[in-house]
């Protein structure tokens, strides 16, 4: 390869870490960098991060990545955690709020009020999203209500404040404060975006009291957004050619372009998504969203969001202080069963398909024989049970069986969990062996915009290392899933 070969720098800014990878024209990752991110909980139900630390960690990951390859970059792509929001001063660029995480429940009171006032149906019809604190609109309203001693709304209406999702924040910083924009996939997760008109909805803006001048213009996910201002090893003048939410990017990176395919990304939380040609409404507790816009037309998606999966395992492991997570996981996998222990990880409510913001976590079935390994085993099994809940709902919504499940994300490294999931679903589970699927999806979109890959078929032909887990028949599995349902009912009471 020579220096004229295209090379795309893809940023994947997630909840627990920031990654940067370099992707060549064969779709291969040839360099990578990463930095961990922390999340704080200043009070019950509150989850937030430092937006400046997100930015500094992004630069550090980029520098680590670019130090490994002495070749020019063709373009930059962004994949990001969704629904999380930041407010900053349009003139100084200084953050005016923490980055309020998608996990945060601080807008629960507002969502309850809107439900009691009868607005839930119109919100669902326009956005495809259940009225839940996970989505951005309530968080943005909270920021304005608590900003500048009550002057936040006036300043936002005057255009002095930027209210953005994480993609917008990174684009603003990368462009040196020159460009404020977002893409269709991130806008579709705010609960202010109308799926049918593909724009900010005036009725929703008024309902949540969000001034339009504070929001970013919406662009296709693939196409020119801005040029970099230059930071460290990142040169000035590099075009940002794609932005997309991480779950959407994972579906694109997996090659899930056609209806009937479904992927699950297992991270801090989990997302199951299947592509659709239009905005079909769910009747089983799932979300309708816009998966991406490739500058030609939008592709829609049906999605189930699970709030705590990997985070639940981390939480359970902290209960057993003194033993490593790897050691506990190995002990849990060696147990003959879960010992009758079930863990419903509603640590900040339940997402799809239940949407119970007030639900709280539950561990049941404890006996004198219960060990820490049993509790960790229950937390691992809860990932599978929650995915089964969404998988079944998705099959009911689309009206046909889903043949297999494509998976990616950190938790997929656990082979025991992958086999448990295949046995529970009685479907093959196909694991991506790439740890950077979301970053690859963003890079693929940028490559499409640049003409590096001319079609979905060209992208589908790229090599994607995968491992397949075939289901085994376990007569006790349905009984265990039935016990999960009983534990879930207790949580929902």
Protein backbone atom coordinates (compact mmCIF):
# COMPACT_ATOMS: atom_id res chain seq x y z
CA UNK A 1 0.00 0.00 0.00
CA UNK A 2 1.23 3.50 -0.80
CA UNK A 3 0.46 6.86 0.75
CA UNK A 4 -2.41 7.50 -1.69
CA UNK A 5 -4.39 4.53 -0.36
CA UNK A 6 -7.49 5.81 1.51
CA UNK A 7 -7.28 5.68 5.29
CA UNK A 8 -10.22 6.60 7.54
CA UNK A 9 -9.83 7.56 11.18
CA UNK A 10 -12.93 6.41 13.08
CA UNK A 11 -13.79 7.58 16.60
CA UNK A 12 -16.11 5.47 18.73
CA UNK A 13 -17.03 7.48 21.83
CA UNK A 14 -18.87 5.11 24.15
CA UNK A 15 -20.11 5.20 27.73
CA UNK A 16 -17.14 3.44 29.31
CA UNK A 17 -14.34 4.17 26.84
CA UNK A 18 -13.29 6.11 23.78
CA UNK A 19 -11.69 4.29 20.85
CA UNK A 20 -9.94 5.52 17.75
CA UNK A 21 -9.10 3.19 14.85
CA UNK A 22 -7.59 3.54 11.40
CA UNK A 23 -9.44 1.64 8.67
CA UNK A 24 -8.03 0.90 5.22
CA UNK A 25 -9.83 0.33 1.91
CA UNK A 26 -10.18 -3.39 2.70
CA UNK A 27 -12.15 -2.54 5.84
CA UNK A 28 -9.27 -3.69 8.06
CA UNK A 29 -8.27 -1.99 11.30
CA UNK A 30 -4.54 -1.26 11.03
CA UNK A 31 -4.08 0.85 14.18
CA UNK A 32 -6.02 1.55 17.34
CA UNK A 33 -6.02 3.65 20.49
CA UNK A 34 -8.35 3.84 23.48
CA UNK A 35 -8.94 5.59 26.78
CA UNK A 36 -11.31 4.58 29.61
CA UNK A 37 -14.14 6.86 30.71
CA UNK A 38 -15.71 7.09 34.13
CA UNK A 39 -19.31 7.86 34.99
CA UNK A 40 -20.50 9.44 38.24
CA UNK A 41 -23.76 9.14 40.13
CA UNK A 42 -24.13 12.30 42.27
CA UNK A 43 -27.44 11.04 43.62
CA UNK A 44 -29.82 8.14 43.10
CA UNK A 45 -30.94 7.97 39.48
CA UNK A 46 -28.42 10.56 38.27
CA UNK A 47 -25.67 9.51 35.81
CA UNK A 48 -23.25 11.96 34.25
CA UNK A 49 -19.81 12.40 32.73
CA UNK A 50 -17.37 15.26 32.27
CA UNK A 51 -17.68 16.58 28.67
CA UNK A 52 -14.17 18.04 28.75
CA UNK A 53 -12.77 14.66 29.82
CA UNK A 54 -14.66 13.04 26.94
CA UNK A 55 -12.94 15.49 24.59
CA UNK A 56 -9.46 15.08 26.11
CA UNK A 57 -9.77 11.28 26.08
CA UNK A 58 -10.83 11.45 22.44
CA UNK A 59 -7.68 13.40 21.57
CA UNK A 60 -5.53 10.98 23.57
CA UNK A 61 -7.05 7.96 21.79
CA UNK A 62 -6.50 9.66 18.42
CA UNK A 63 -2.86 10.45 19.22
CA UNK A 64 -2.20 6.87 20.36
CA UNK A 65 -3.76 5.53 17.17
CA UNK A 66 -2.02 7.90 14.73
CA UNK A 67 1.38 7.32 16.34
CA UNK A 68 1.29 3.76 14.94
CA UNK A 69 1.00 4.66 11.25
CA UNK A 70 2.97 7.23 9.26
CA UNK A 71 0.45 7.82 6.48
CA UNK A 72 -1.97 10.66 5.68
CA UNK A 73 -5.61 10.40 6.73
CA UNK A 74 -8.31 10.66 4.10
CA UNK A 75 -11.29 11.36 6.35
CA UNK A 76 -12.66 11.14 9.87
CA UNK A 77 -15.80 9.31 11.07
CA UNK A 78 -17.67 9.50 14.39
CA UNK A 79 -19.70 6.88 16.23
CA UNK A 80 -21.05 7.91 19.63
CA UNK A 81 -23.08 6.96 22.68
CA UNK A 82 -26.66 8.03 22.05
CA UNK A 83 -29.25 10.05 24.01
CA UNK A 84 -26.52 11.57 26.22
CA UNK A 85 -26.53 15.38 26.03
CA UNK A 86 -24.31 18.40 26.72
CA UNK A 87 -25.00 22.15 26.86
CA UNK A 88 -22.25 24.61 26.00
CA UNK A 89 -21.81 28.32 25.40
CA UNK A 90 -21.95 29.04 21.67
CA UNK A 91 -19.46 31.92 21.95
CA UNK A 92 -16.84 30.49 24.34
CA UNK A 93 -17.35 26.77 23.72
CA UNK A 94 -17.26 26.11 27.46
CA UNK A 95 -19.58 23.37 28.79
CA UNK A 96 -22.53 24.66 30.80
CA UNK A 97 -23.62 21.23 32.03
CA UNK A 98 -22.22 17.78 32.62
CA UNK A 99 -22.73 15.26 29.89
CA UNK A 100 -26.00 13.80 31.14
CA UNK A 101 -25.84 10.10 30.34
CA UNK A 102 -28.44 8.07 28.49
CA UNK A 103 -28.68 6.02 31.69
CA UNK A 104 -29.73 9.06 33.74
CA UNK A 105 -33.26 9.17 35.17
CA UNK A 106 -33.31 12.80 36.37
CA UNK A 107 -36.17 13.64 33.97
CA UNK A 108 -38.50 10.98 35.41
CA UNK A 109 -40.78 13.59 37.04
CA UNK A 110 -41.20 15.44 33.75
CA UNK A 111 -41.97 12.22 31.87
CA UNK A 112 -44.54 11.29 34.50
CA UNK A 113 -46.20 14.70 34.17
CA UNK A 114 -46.36 14.42 30.36
CA UNK A 115 -47.88 10.96 30.71
CA UNK A 116 -50.50 12.19 33.17
CA UNK A 117 -51.34 15.08 30.83
CA UNK A 118 -52.05 12.60 28.03
CA UNK A 119 -49.14 13.43 25.72
CA UNK A 120 -47.58 9.97 25.51
CA UNK A 121 -49.53 8.83 22.44
CA UNK A 122 -48.55 11.80 20.27
CA UNK A 123 -44.90 11.52 21.34
CA UNK A 124 -44.84 7.83 20.43
CA UNK A 125 -46.64 8.41 17.12
CA UNK A 126 -44.24 11.14 16.01
CA UNK A 127 -40.93 9.83 17.35
CA UNK A 128 -41.40 6.07 17.57
CA UNK A 129 -40.05 6.26 21.13
CA UNK A 130 -41.73 5.48 24.44
CA UNK A 131 -42.02 8.35 26.92
CA UNK A 132 -39.01 7.48 29.06
CA UNK A 133 -36.20 9.39 30.82
CA UNK A 134 -33.61 7.56 28.70
CA UNK A 135 -34.26 9.81 25.73
CA UNK A 136 -32.70 13.24 25.32
CA UNK A 137 -35.61 15.69 25.38
CA UNK A 138 -36.33 15.43 29.10
CA UNK A 139 -32.62 15.78 29.91
CA UNK A 140 -32.37 18.93 27.76
CA UNK A 141 -35.40 20.39 29.53
CA UNK A 142 -33.78 19.63 32.90
CA UNK A 143 -30.61 21.43 31.84
CA UNK A 144 -32.50 24.56 30.82
CA UNK A 145 -34.63 24.52 33.97
CA UNK A 146 -31.50 24.37 36.12
CA UNK A 147 -29.17 26.64 34.15
CA UNK A 148 -28.15 30.24 34.76
CA UNK A 149 -30.51 30.79 37.68
CA UNK A 150 -33.55 30.28 35.50
CA UNK A 151 -32.18 32.17 32.46
CA UNK A 152 -31.32 29.01 30.50
CA UNK A 153 -34.48 29.06 28.42
CA UNK A 154 -34.04 32.71 27.41
CA UNK A 155 -30.39 32.21 26.48
CA UNK A 156 -31.24 29.10 24.47
CA UNK A 157 -34.01 30.93 22.62
CA UNK A 158 -31.54 33.70 21.79
CA UNK A 159 -29.18 31.16 20.26
CA UNK A 160 -26.50 31.67 22.91
CA UNK A 161 -26.51 28.03 24.04
CA UNK A 162 -25.85 24.85 22.07
CA UNK A 163 -27.84 21.82 23.18
CA UNK A 164 -26.28 18.77 21.60
CA UNK A 165 -25.81 15.05 21.65
CA UNK A 166 -22.26 13.69 21.95
CA UNK A 167 -21.68 13.66 18.18
CA UNK A 168 -22.45 17.39 18.06
CA UNK A 169 -20.09 18.10 20.97
CA UNK A 170 -17.21 16.22 19.34
CA UNK A 171 -17.83 17.84 15.94
CA UNK A 172 -17.86 21.29 17.56
CA UNK A 173 -14.55 20.60 19.30
CA UNK A 174 -12.90 18.94 16.28
CA UNK A 175 -13.87 21.85 14.04
CA UNK A 176 -12.52 24.39 16.51
CA UNK A 177 -15.99 25.67 17.33
CA UNK A 178 -16.89 26.35 13.70
CA UNK A 179 -19.60 23.76 13.04
CA UNK A 180 -22.67 22.74 15.08
CA UNK A 181 -24.49 19.82 13.45
CA UNK A 182 -25.94 16.39 14.11
CA UNK A 183 -27.02 13.46 11.95
CA UNK A 184 -30.38 11.78 11.44
CA UNK A 185 -29.61 8.75 13.62
CA UNK A 186 -28.71 10.83 16.68
CA UNK A 187 -31.54 13.30 16.13
CA UNK A 188 -33.97 10.38 15.99
CA UNK A 189 -33.05 9.45 19.59
CA UNK A 190 -33.81 12.85 21.12
CA UNK A 191 -37.62 12.53 21.16
CA UNK A 192 -37.76 15.91 19.37
CA UNK A 193 -37.40 14.46 15.86
CA UNK A 194 -40.41 13.58 13.72
CA UNK A 195 -39.81 10.26 11.93
CA UNK A 196 -42.35 11.13 9.25
CA UNK A 197 -41.12 14.63 8.33
CA UNK A 198 -37.45 13.85 9.16
CA UNK A 199 -36.93 17.11 11.04
CA UNK A 200 -37.29 18.81 14.42
CA UNK A 201 -40.98 18.85 15.31
CA UNK A 202 -42.42 22.17 16.49
CA UNK A 203 -45.15 20.56 18.61
CA UNK A 204 -42.59 18.40 20.42
CA UNK A 205 -40.26 21.38 20.93
CA UNK A 206 -43.12 23.27 22.57
CA UNK A 207 -44.13 20.24 24.64
CA UNK A 208 -40.63 19.86 26.10
CA UNK A 209 -39.97 23.64 26.07
CA UNK A 210 -36.80 23.35 23.97
CA UNK A 211 -36.05 26.43 21.80
CA UNK A 212 -35.23 25.51 18.19
CA UNK A 213 -32.27 27.97 17.95
CA UNK A 214 -30.40 25.87 20.53
CA UNK A 215 -30.54 22.68 18.43
CA UNK A 216 -28.15 21.56 15.71
CA UNK A 217 -29.05 21.41 12.01
CA UNK A 218 -29.63 17.79 10.93
CA UNK A 219 -27.58 16.23 8.11
CA UNK A 220 -27.40 12.78 6.49
CA UNK A 221 -25.19 10.33 8.40
CA UNK A 222 -22.83 10.07 5.40
CA UNK A 223 -21.45 13.24 3.86
CA UNK A 224 -19.32 16.28 4.62
CA UNK A 225 -19.83 17.82 8.08
CA UNK A 226 -16.72 19.91 8.77
CA UNK A 227 -12.93 20.04 8.59
CA UNK A 228 -10.72 19.41 11.60
CA UNK A 229 -8.97 22.38 13.18
CA UNK A 230 -5.85 20.33 13.99
CA UNK A 231 -4.93 18.91 17.42
CA UNK A 232 -1.74 17.03 18.32
CA UNK A 233 -1.16 14.35 15.70
CA UNK A 234 -4.52 15.07 14.06
CA UNK A 235 -3.85 17.45 11.16
CA UNK A 236 -6.04 20.41 10.24
CA UNK A 237 -8.22 20.14 7.16
CA UNK A 238 -9.31 16.49 7.53
CA UNK A 239 -12.97 16.20 6.43
CA UNK A 240 -15.44 14.69 8.88
CA UNK A 241 -17.45 12.49 6.50
CA UNK A 242 -19.84 10.57 8.76
CA UNK A 243 -21.58 10.73 12.14
CA UNK A 244 -23.87 8.01 13.48
CA UNK A 245 -25.12 6.65 16.82
CA UNK A 246 -23.13 3.66 18.05
CA UNK A 247 -25.89 1.07 17.93
CA UNK A 248 -26.84 2.11 14.39
CA UNK A 249 -23.17 2.05 13.43
CA UNK A 250 -22.82 -1.51 14.75
CA UNK A 251 -25.71 -2.68 12.56
CA UNK A 252 -24.11 -0.98 9.55
CA UNK A 253 -20.69 -2.37 10.44
CA UNK A 254 -22.11 -5.88 10.71
CA UNK A 255 -23.49 -5.51 7.18
CA UNK A 256 -27.12 -5.49 8.35
CA UNK A 257 -28.54 -3.58 5.40
CA UNK A 258 -31.57 -5.74 4.60
CA UNK A 259 -34.77 -6.36 6.63
CA UNK A 260 -34.84 -9.68 8.48
CA UNK A 261 -31.36 -9.34 9.94
CA UNK A 262 -30.99 -8.48 13.63
CA UNK A 263 -27.94 -7.59 15.69
CA UNK A 264 -27.39 -7.12 19.41
CA UNK A 265 -24.67 -4.86 20.75
CA UNK A 266 -23.72 -5.88 24.30
CA UNK A 267 -22.04 -3.07 26.18
CA UNK A 268 -22.91 -1.12 29.32
CA UNK A 269 -26.47 -1.62 28.14
CA UNK A 270 -27.61 -3.52 25.08
CA UNK A 271 -29.42 -2.74 21.87
CA UNK A 272 -31.14 -5.12 19.47
CA UNK A 273 -31.86 -3.54 16.09
CA UNK A 274 -33.22 -4.73 12.77
CA UNK A 275 -33.40 -2.58 9.60
CA UNK A 276 -36.73 -1.62 8.02
CA UNK A 277 -37.67 0.17 4.80
CA UNK A 278 -40.11 2.48 6.59
CA UNK A 279 -41.18 3.68 10.06
CA UNK A 280 -43.32 0.71 11.14
CA UNK A 281 -44.80 1.23 14.60
CA UNK A 282 -44.14 -1.35 17.29
CA UNK A 283 -47.05 -2.77 19.27
CA UNK A 284 -44.85 -4.79 21.65
CA UNK A 285 -42.83 -2.19 23.51
CA UNK A 286 -40.00 -1.59 21.03
CA UNK A 287 -38.79 1.64 19.46
CA UNK A 288 -39.01 2.74 15.86
CA UNK A 289 -36.00 4.80 14.88
CA UNK A 290 -34.06 6.08 11.91
CA UNK A 291 -31.07 3.77 11.54
CA UNK A 292 -29.01 5.95 9.17
CA UNK A 293 -29.26 8.25 6.17
CA UNK A 294 -26.64 7.49 3.51
CA UNK A 295 -27.28 10.81 1.68
CA UNK A 296 -29.63 9.01 -0.73
CA UNK A 297 -32.47 7.84 1.50
CA UNK A 298 -33.17 7.02 5.15
CA UNK A 299 -33.09 3.46 6.44
CA UNK A 300 -35.32 2.91 9.46
CA UNK A 301 -34.88 0.45 12.30
CA UNK A 302 -36.83 -1.31 15.00
CA UNK A 303 -34.93 -1.41 18.25
CA UNK A 304 -35.11 -2.71 21.78
CA UNK A 305 -32.96 -0.89 24.34
CA UNK A 306 -31.88 -2.69 27.51
CA UNK A 307 -30.53 -0.37 30.19
CA UNK A 308 -28.28 -2.69 32.22
CA UNK A 309 -26.39 -5.67 30.83
CA UNK A 310 -22.61 -5.30 31.11
CA UNK A 311 -23.22 -2.68 33.81
CA UNK A 312 -25.22 -5.24 35.79
CA UNK A 313 -22.32 -7.70 35.76
CA UNK A 314 -19.92 -4.98 36.88
CA UNK A 315 -22.33 -3.99 39.66
CA UNK A 316 -22.69 -7.59 40.85
CA UNK A 317 -18.92 -8.09 40.86
CA UNK A 318 -18.48 -5.03 43.09
CA UNK A 319 -20.64 -6.76 45.71
CA UNK A 320 -17.98 -9.44 45.96
CA UNK A 321 -15.06 -7.13 46.69
CA UNK A 322 -11.74 -8.89 46.83
CA UNK A 323 -12.30 -11.29 43.94
CA UNK A 324 -11.60 -10.36 40.34
CA UNK A 325 -14.39 -10.26 37.78
CA UNK A 326 -12.57 -12.84 35.63
CA UNK A 327 -12.25 -15.25 38.55
CA UNK A 328 -15.91 -14.86 39.52
CA UNK A 329 -17.02 -15.29 35.92
CA UNK A 330 -15.06 -18.52 35.65
CA UNK A 331 -16.60 -19.79 38.88
CA UNK A 332 -20.08 -18.82 37.66
CA UNK A 333 -19.61 -20.69 34.36
CA UNK A 334 -18.52 -23.84 36.20
CA UNK A 335 -21.67 -24.01 38.32
CA UNK A 336 -24.16 -26.67 37.21
CA UNK A 337 -26.98 -24.09 37.33
CA UNK A 338 -27.91 -20.75 38.88
CA UNK A 339 -28.93 -22.30 42.22
CA UNK A 340 -32.43 -20.81 41.81
CA UNK A 341 -31.05 -17.25 41.95
CA UNK A 342 -32.46 -14.63 39.55
CA UNK A 343 -31.32 -11.03 39.20
CA UNK A 344 -33.51 -8.42 37.50
CA UNK A 345 -31.04 -5.52 36.99
CA UNK A 346 -33.49 -2.61 37.05
CA UNK A 347 -30.82 -0.47 38.70
CA UNK A 348 -32.25 2.65 37.08
CA UNK A 349 -35.52 1.34 35.69
CA UNK A 350 -36.30 -1.08 32.88
CA UNK A 351 -36.11 -0.34 29.17
CA UNK A 352 -37.65 -2.32 26.32
CA UNK A 353 -40.05 -3.96 26.12
CA UNK A 354 -41.31 -2.98 29.60
CA UNK A 355 -40.48 0.76 29.90
CA UNK A 356 -40.83 1.02 33.66
CA UNK A 357 -38.73 3.97 34.81
CA UNK A 358 -39.73 3.42 38.46
CA UNK A 359 -38.76 -0.28 38.54
CA UNK A 360 -35.88 -1.17 40.84
CA UNK A 361 -33.48 -4.09 40.87
CA UNK A 362 -34.29 -7.41 42.48
CA UNK A 363 -32.26 -10.48 43.46
CA UNK A 364 -34.44 -13.41 44.50
CA UNK A 365 -34.08 -17.10 45.30
CA UNK A 366 -31.30 -16.62 47.86
CA UNK A 367 -30.54 -19.48 50.26
CA UNK A 368 -27.77 -20.37 52.67
CA UNK A 369 -26.08 -22.20 49.81
CA UNK A 370 -25.96 -19.10 47.61
CA UNK A 371 -22.43 -17.94 46.80
CA UNK A 372 -21.01 -14.88 45.09
CA UNK A 373 -20.58 -17.01 41.98
CA UNK A 374 -24.35 -17.70 41.96
CA UNK A 375 -25.11 -13.98 42.04
CA UNK A 376 -22.67 -13.31 39.23
CA UNK A 377 -24.13 -16.26 37.31
CA UNK A 378 -27.57 -14.68 37.74
CA UNK A 379 -26.27 -11.35 36.42
CA UNK A 380 -24.81 -13.05 33.34
CA UNK A 381 -28.03 -14.97 32.76
CA UNK A 382 -30.00 -11.72 33.07
CA UNK A 383 -28.29 -10.49 29.91
CA UNK A 384 -29.66 -13.48 28.02
CA UNK A 385 -33.14 -13.25 29.53
CA UNK A 386 -33.45 -9.55 28.71
CA UNK A 387 -32.30 -10.16 25.15
CA UNK A 388 -34.86 -12.97 24.85
CA UNK A 389 -37.60 -10.57 26.02
CA UNK A 390 -36.70 -8.12 23.24
CA UNK A 391 -36.03 -10.81 20.61
CA UNK A 392 -39.48 -12.33 21.13
CA UNK A 393 -41.14 -8.89 21.00
CA UNK A 394 -39.29 -8.09 17.77
CA UNK A 395 -40.47 -11.31 16.12
CA UNK A 396 -44.04 -10.45 17.05
CA UNK A 397 -43.72 -6.95 15.63
CA UNK A 398 -42.20 -7.93 12.29
CA UNK A 399 -44.52 -10.94 11.96
CA UNK A 400 -41.90 -13.52 10.99
CA UNK A 401 -39.23 -15.60 12.75
CA UNK A 402 -35.72 -14.18 13.10
CA UNK A 403 -33.31 -16.88 11.94
CA UNK A 404 -30.21 -15.89 13.90
CA UNK A 405 -28.72 -13.16 16.06
CA UNK A 406 -25.55 -11.24 15.19
CA UNK A 407 -23.75 -9.95 18.28
CA UNK A 408 -20.92 -7.57 19.04
CA UNK A 409 -19.57 -5.68 22.05
CA UNK A 410 -17.42 -6.38 25.09
CA UNK A 411 -19.65 -8.99 26.74
CA UNK A 412 -19.50 -11.20 23.64
CA UNK A 413 -15.97 -12.23 24.67
CA UNK A 414 -17.66 -14.48 27.26
CA UNK A 415 -18.08 -17.76 25.37
CA UNK A 416 -20.26 -19.26 28.11
CA UNK A 417 -22.70 -16.36 27.74
CA UNK A 418 -22.78 -16.74 23.94
CA UNK A 419 -23.70 -20.42 24.21
CA UNK A 420 -26.28 -19.68 26.92
CA UNK A 421 -27.84 -17.08 24.62
CA UNK A 422 -27.97 -19.49 21.67
CA UNK A 423 -29.57 -22.19 23.84
CA UNK A 424 -32.07 -19.73 25.31
CA UNK A 425 -33.13 -18.30 21.92
CA UNK A 426 -32.84 -21.66 20.14
CA UNK A 427 -31.19 -19.71 17.34
CA UNK A 428 -27.59 -19.52 16.15
CA UNK A 429 -25.67 -16.64 17.69
CA UNK A 430 -23.06 -15.18 15.33
CA UNK A 431 -20.34 -13.29 17.19
CA UNK A 432 -18.24 -10.60 15.53
CA UNK A 433 -14.57 -11.11 16.33
CA UNK A 434 -13.87 -7.43 15.79
CA UNK A 435 -13.88 -5.30 18.97
CA UNK A 436 -14.54 -2.15 16.90
CA UNK A 437 -17.77 -2.86 15.01
CA UNK A 438 -19.33 0.55 15.74
CA UNK A 439 -16.18 2.35 14.62
CA UNK A 440 -16.10 0.21 11.48
CA UNK A 441 -19.72 1.10 10.73
CA UNK A 442 -18.92 4.82 10.94
CA UNK A 443 -15.84 4.27 8.73
CA UNK A 444 -17.90 2.35 6.19
CA UNK A 445 -20.38 5.22 5.98
CA UNK A 446 -17.58 7.71 5.45
CA UNK A 447 -16.13 5.42 2.79
CA UNK A 448 -19.48 5.29 1.01
CA UNK A 449 -19.65 9.09 1.00
CA UNK A 450 -16.12 9.22 -0.49
CA UNK A 451 -16.82 6.51 -3.06
CA UNK A 452 -14.27 4.07 -1.58
CA UNK A 453 -17.09 1.50 -1.50
CA UNK A 454 -19.65 2.07 -4.24
CA UNK A 455 -22.57 0.05 -2.86
CA UNK A 456 -23.95 -2.04 -0.02
CA UNK A 457 -22.85 -5.08 -2.01
CA UNK A 458 -19.26 -3.85 -2.00
CA UNK A 459 -19.43 -3.37 1.77
CA UNK A 460 -21.05 -6.78 2.24
CA UNK A 461 -18.09 -8.40 0.48
CA UNK A 462 -15.59 -7.08 3.06
CA UNK A 463 -14.09 -9.75 5.27
CA UNK A 464 -15.77 -9.86 8.69
CA UNK A 465 -14.27 -12.48 11.05
CA UNK A 466 -17.09 -14.20 12.95
CA UNK A 467 -17.72 -17.18 15.20
CA UNK A 468 -20.96 -19.12 15.22
CA UNK A 469 -22.60 -20.67 18.31
CA UNK A 470 -25.20 -23.31 17.47
CA UNK A 471 -28.04 -23.90 19.95
CA UNK A 472 -28.16 -27.07 22.01
CA UNK A 473 -31.42 -28.45 23.35
CA UNK A 474 -31.70 -27.94 27.11
CA UNK A 475 -35.00 -29.21 28.49
CA UNK A 476 -34.66 -27.03 31.60
CA UNK A 477 -34.10 -23.78 29.70
CA UNK A 478 -37.76 -22.84 29.20
CA UNK A 479 -38.45 -23.53 32.88
CA UNK A 480 -35.61 -21.19 33.82
CA UNK A 481 -36.96 -18.52 31.50
CA UNK A 482 -40.34 -18.98 33.18
CA UNK A 483 -38.71 -18.31 36.56
CA UNK A 484 -37.13 -15.17 35.10
CA UNK A 485 -40.59 -14.01 34.07
CA UNK A 486 -41.84 -14.52 37.64
CA UNK A 487 -38.93 -12.47 39.03
CA UNK A 488 -39.65 -9.79 36.44
CA UNK A 489 -43.28 -9.61 37.53
CA UNK A 490 -42.17 -8.88 41.09
CA UNK A 491 -40.01 -6.02 39.82
CA UNK A 492 -42.85 -4.55 37.78
CA UNK A 493 -45.33 -4.56 40.68
